[in-house]
Protein backbone atom coordinates (compact mmCIF):
# COMPACT_ATOMS: atom_id res chain seq x y z
CA MET A 1 -38.46 -54.44 9.97
CA PRO A 2 -37.14 -56.49 6.99
CA ARG A 3 -39.60 -57.45 4.80
CA PHE A 4 -39.04 -60.88 4.47
CA SER A 5 -38.05 -63.03 6.92
CA ARG A 6 -34.44 -64.42 7.08
CA GLU A 7 -35.29 -67.97 5.61
CA VAL A 8 -38.09 -66.43 3.36
CA GLU A 9 -35.48 -64.42 1.91
CA ASP A 10 -33.09 -66.45 1.25
CA VAL A 11 -35.29 -69.15 -0.21
CA LEU A 12 -36.27 -66.30 -2.37
CA ARG A 13 -32.85 -64.96 -3.66
CA ARG A 14 -31.59 -68.48 -4.04
CA SER A 15 -34.43 -68.93 -6.71
CA GLY A 16 -33.22 -65.56 -8.81
CA TRP A 17 -35.55 -63.36 -7.11
CA LEU A 18 -33.24 -59.75 -5.75
CA PRO A 19 -35.10 -56.55 -4.12
CA GLY A 20 -35.79 -54.17 -6.92
CA ARG A 21 -36.13 -57.13 -9.66
CA ARG A 22 -38.20 -55.80 -12.39
CA VAL A 23 -39.57 -58.20 -15.24
CA ASP A 24 -40.79 -56.85 -18.37
CA LEU A 25 -44.53 -58.28 -18.69
CA ALA A 26 -44.83 -57.54 -22.56
CA ARG A 27 -44.43 -61.40 -23.38
CA TRP A 28 -47.14 -62.14 -20.48
CA LYS A 29 -49.20 -59.57 -21.90
CA VAL A 30 -49.63 -60.99 -25.57
CA SER A 31 -49.60 -64.66 -24.29
CA ALA A 32 -52.04 -64.26 -21.43
CA ALA A 33 -54.29 -61.91 -23.46
CA GLU A 34 -57.24 -64.62 -22.32
CA PHE A 35 -57.09 -62.97 -18.62
CA THR A 36 -58.24 -59.76 -17.32
CA TRP A 37 -55.31 -58.35 -16.04
CA HIS A 38 -55.17 -55.90 -13.19
CA SER A 39 -52.98 -53.58 -11.43
CA ALA A 40 -51.84 -56.11 -8.54
CA ALA A 41 -51.41 -58.64 -11.10
CA GLU A 42 -48.83 -56.48 -12.74
CA VAL A 43 -46.84 -54.97 -9.77
CA PHE A 44 -46.82 -58.78 -8.36
CA LEU A 45 -45.53 -60.27 -12.04
CA GLN A 46 -43.41 -57.30 -12.28
CA GLU A 47 -41.12 -58.52 -8.82
CA PHE A 48 -41.80 -62.00 -8.53
CA GLY A 49 -42.43 -63.07 -12.65
CA GLY A 50 -40.38 -66.21 -13.80
CA LEU A 51 -39.19 -67.14 -10.24
CA ARG A 52 -39.91 -71.31 -9.63
CA VAL A 53 -39.32 -72.13 -6.11
CA ASP A 54 -37.75 -75.74 -5.45
CA ILE A 55 -38.42 -76.64 -1.84
CA ASP A 56 -40.21 -79.54 -0.31
CA GLY A 57 -40.72 -81.25 3.09
CA PRO A 58 -42.83 -80.68 6.27
CA GLY A 59 -43.82 -76.96 7.03
CA ILE A 60 -45.51 -74.97 9.46
CA THR A 61 -49.40 -76.54 9.13
CA CYS A 62 -48.86 -78.08 5.68
CA ALA A 63 -45.98 -79.85 3.33
CA ARG A 64 -43.76 -77.39 1.67
CA GLU A 65 -44.40 -77.79 -2.05
CA PRO A 66 -42.66 -75.78 -5.26
CA PHE A 67 -44.22 -73.42 -6.62
CA GLU A 68 -43.70 -71.01 -9.95
CA PHE A 69 -44.57 -67.69 -11.19
CA ASP A 70 -45.94 -67.54 -14.63
CA PRO A 71 -49.44 -66.82 -16.04
CA GLU A 72 -49.13 -68.98 -19.25
CA LEU A 73 -48.92 -71.89 -17.03
CA ALA A 74 -52.55 -71.10 -16.69
CA VAL A 75 -53.10 -70.61 -20.95
CA GLY A 76 -56.41 -72.32 -22.16
CA GLU A 77 -58.34 -71.88 -18.48
CA GLY A 78 -59.42 -68.92 -18.98
CA GLU A 79 -62.94 -69.81 -18.56
CA ARG A 80 -62.16 -71.38 -15.56
CA PHE A 81 -60.79 -68.40 -13.70
CA ALA A 82 -64.16 -66.58 -14.99
CA GLU A 83 -66.10 -69.35 -13.45
CA LEU A 84 -64.31 -68.74 -10.11
CA SER A 85 -63.95 -65.14 -10.36
CA ALA A 86 -67.67 -65.02 -10.60
CA LEU A 87 -68.45 -67.99 -8.28
CA PHE A 88 -66.24 -66.19 -5.42
CA GLY A 89 -66.84 -62.16 -6.77
CA LEU A 90 -63.43 -62.04 -7.41
CA GLY A 91 -61.27 -60.91 -10.60
CA LEU A 92 -58.54 -63.61 -10.42
CA PHE A 93 -55.76 -63.14 -12.79
CA PRO A 94 -53.44 -66.44 -13.11
CA LEU A 95 -50.23 -66.12 -11.39
CA GLY A 96 -48.55 -69.58 -12.19
CA GLU A 97 -48.79 -73.29 -10.16
CA VAL A 98 -48.10 -74.53 -6.96
CA GLY A 99 -47.31 -78.91 -6.15
CA GLN A 100 -46.75 -80.79 -8.98
CA GLY A 101 -48.92 -78.44 -10.98
CA GLU A 102 -52.56 -79.56 -9.28
CA PHE A 103 -53.35 -76.09 -7.75
CA PHE A 104 -52.89 -72.84 -10.17
CA LEU A 105 -51.95 -69.87 -8.28
CA ALA A 106 -54.10 -66.39 -8.75
CA ILE A 107 -54.35 -63.21 -7.41
CA ASP A 108 -57.23 -60.78 -7.27
CA GLU A 109 -57.66 -56.75 -7.31
CA GLU A 110 -56.63 -56.40 -3.88
CA GLY A 111 -53.68 -58.55 -3.79
CA ASP A 112 -54.66 -61.91 -2.01
CA ILE A 113 -53.09 -65.01 -3.24
CA TYR A 114 -54.99 -67.95 -3.47
CA ARG A 115 -54.75 -71.82 -4.39
CA LEU A 116 -57.09 -72.70 -7.24
CA GLY A 117 -58.12 -76.20 -7.46
CA ALA A 118 -61.92 -77.59 -7.34
CA GLY A 119 -62.24 -74.53 -4.84
CA ALA A 120 -60.35 -71.56 -3.79
CA SER A 121 -57.93 -71.23 -0.63
CA ARG A 122 -56.54 -67.77 0.31
CA TYR A 123 -52.58 -67.43 1.06
CA GLY A 124 -53.29 -63.91 2.33
CA VAL A 125 -51.68 -60.49 0.48
CA GLY A 126 -48.79 -60.92 -1.22
CA ASP A 127 -45.50 -60.49 1.10
CA LEU A 128 -47.26 -62.82 3.53
CA ALA A 129 -48.88 -65.24 0.98
CA LEU A 130 -44.91 -65.57 -0.16
CA GLY A 131 -43.97 -66.27 3.22
CA HIS A 132 -46.37 -68.92 3.62
CA LEU A 133 -46.05 -70.60 0.40
CA VAL A 134 -42.04 -70.95 1.54
CA THR A 135 -42.34 -71.80 5.08
CA GLY A 136 -45.34 -74.41 4.67
CA VAL A 137 -49.11 -72.65 6.12
CA ALA A 138 -51.78 -73.92 4.68
CA PRO A 139 -53.95 -71.79 2.81
CA GLU A 140 -57.28 -70.94 4.48
CA ARG A 141 -60.33 -72.13 2.49
CA LEU A 142 -62.79 -70.11 1.02
CA GLY A 143 -66.18 -71.50 1.82
CA PRO A 144 -69.16 -71.16 -0.40
CA PRO A 145 -70.20 -67.63 -1.81
CA SER A 146 -73.56 -66.39 0.65
């Protein structure tokens, strides 16, 4: 069974991704040192870091929006990430942005990917989340922590 649907793979390849892609994280380890790195963030960014996916139009349950995987886009927002991590009991690390920069993308220690604004919404784990971002599947809004 293929890792991605044909549509998702085509979009990722047009954006510069190839199977086996490996990005050196050294630059981001320095520039994004205000955040707590974890293995899920490292694994994801080694493969997808630096990609900018320019898509738009109608999606499955929401509009397709461009997104970019670059943790430097969240530099200066360490306190915000720490607050949301504490609020939801998650170790959130910045992956980049979605839309026109109005939402951050983040990943937790389990590999779930989130859209962060005033609150948090979950796209799912790794490849599933990528599929949702590309095809326009709305993330699941997290309710207030219990």
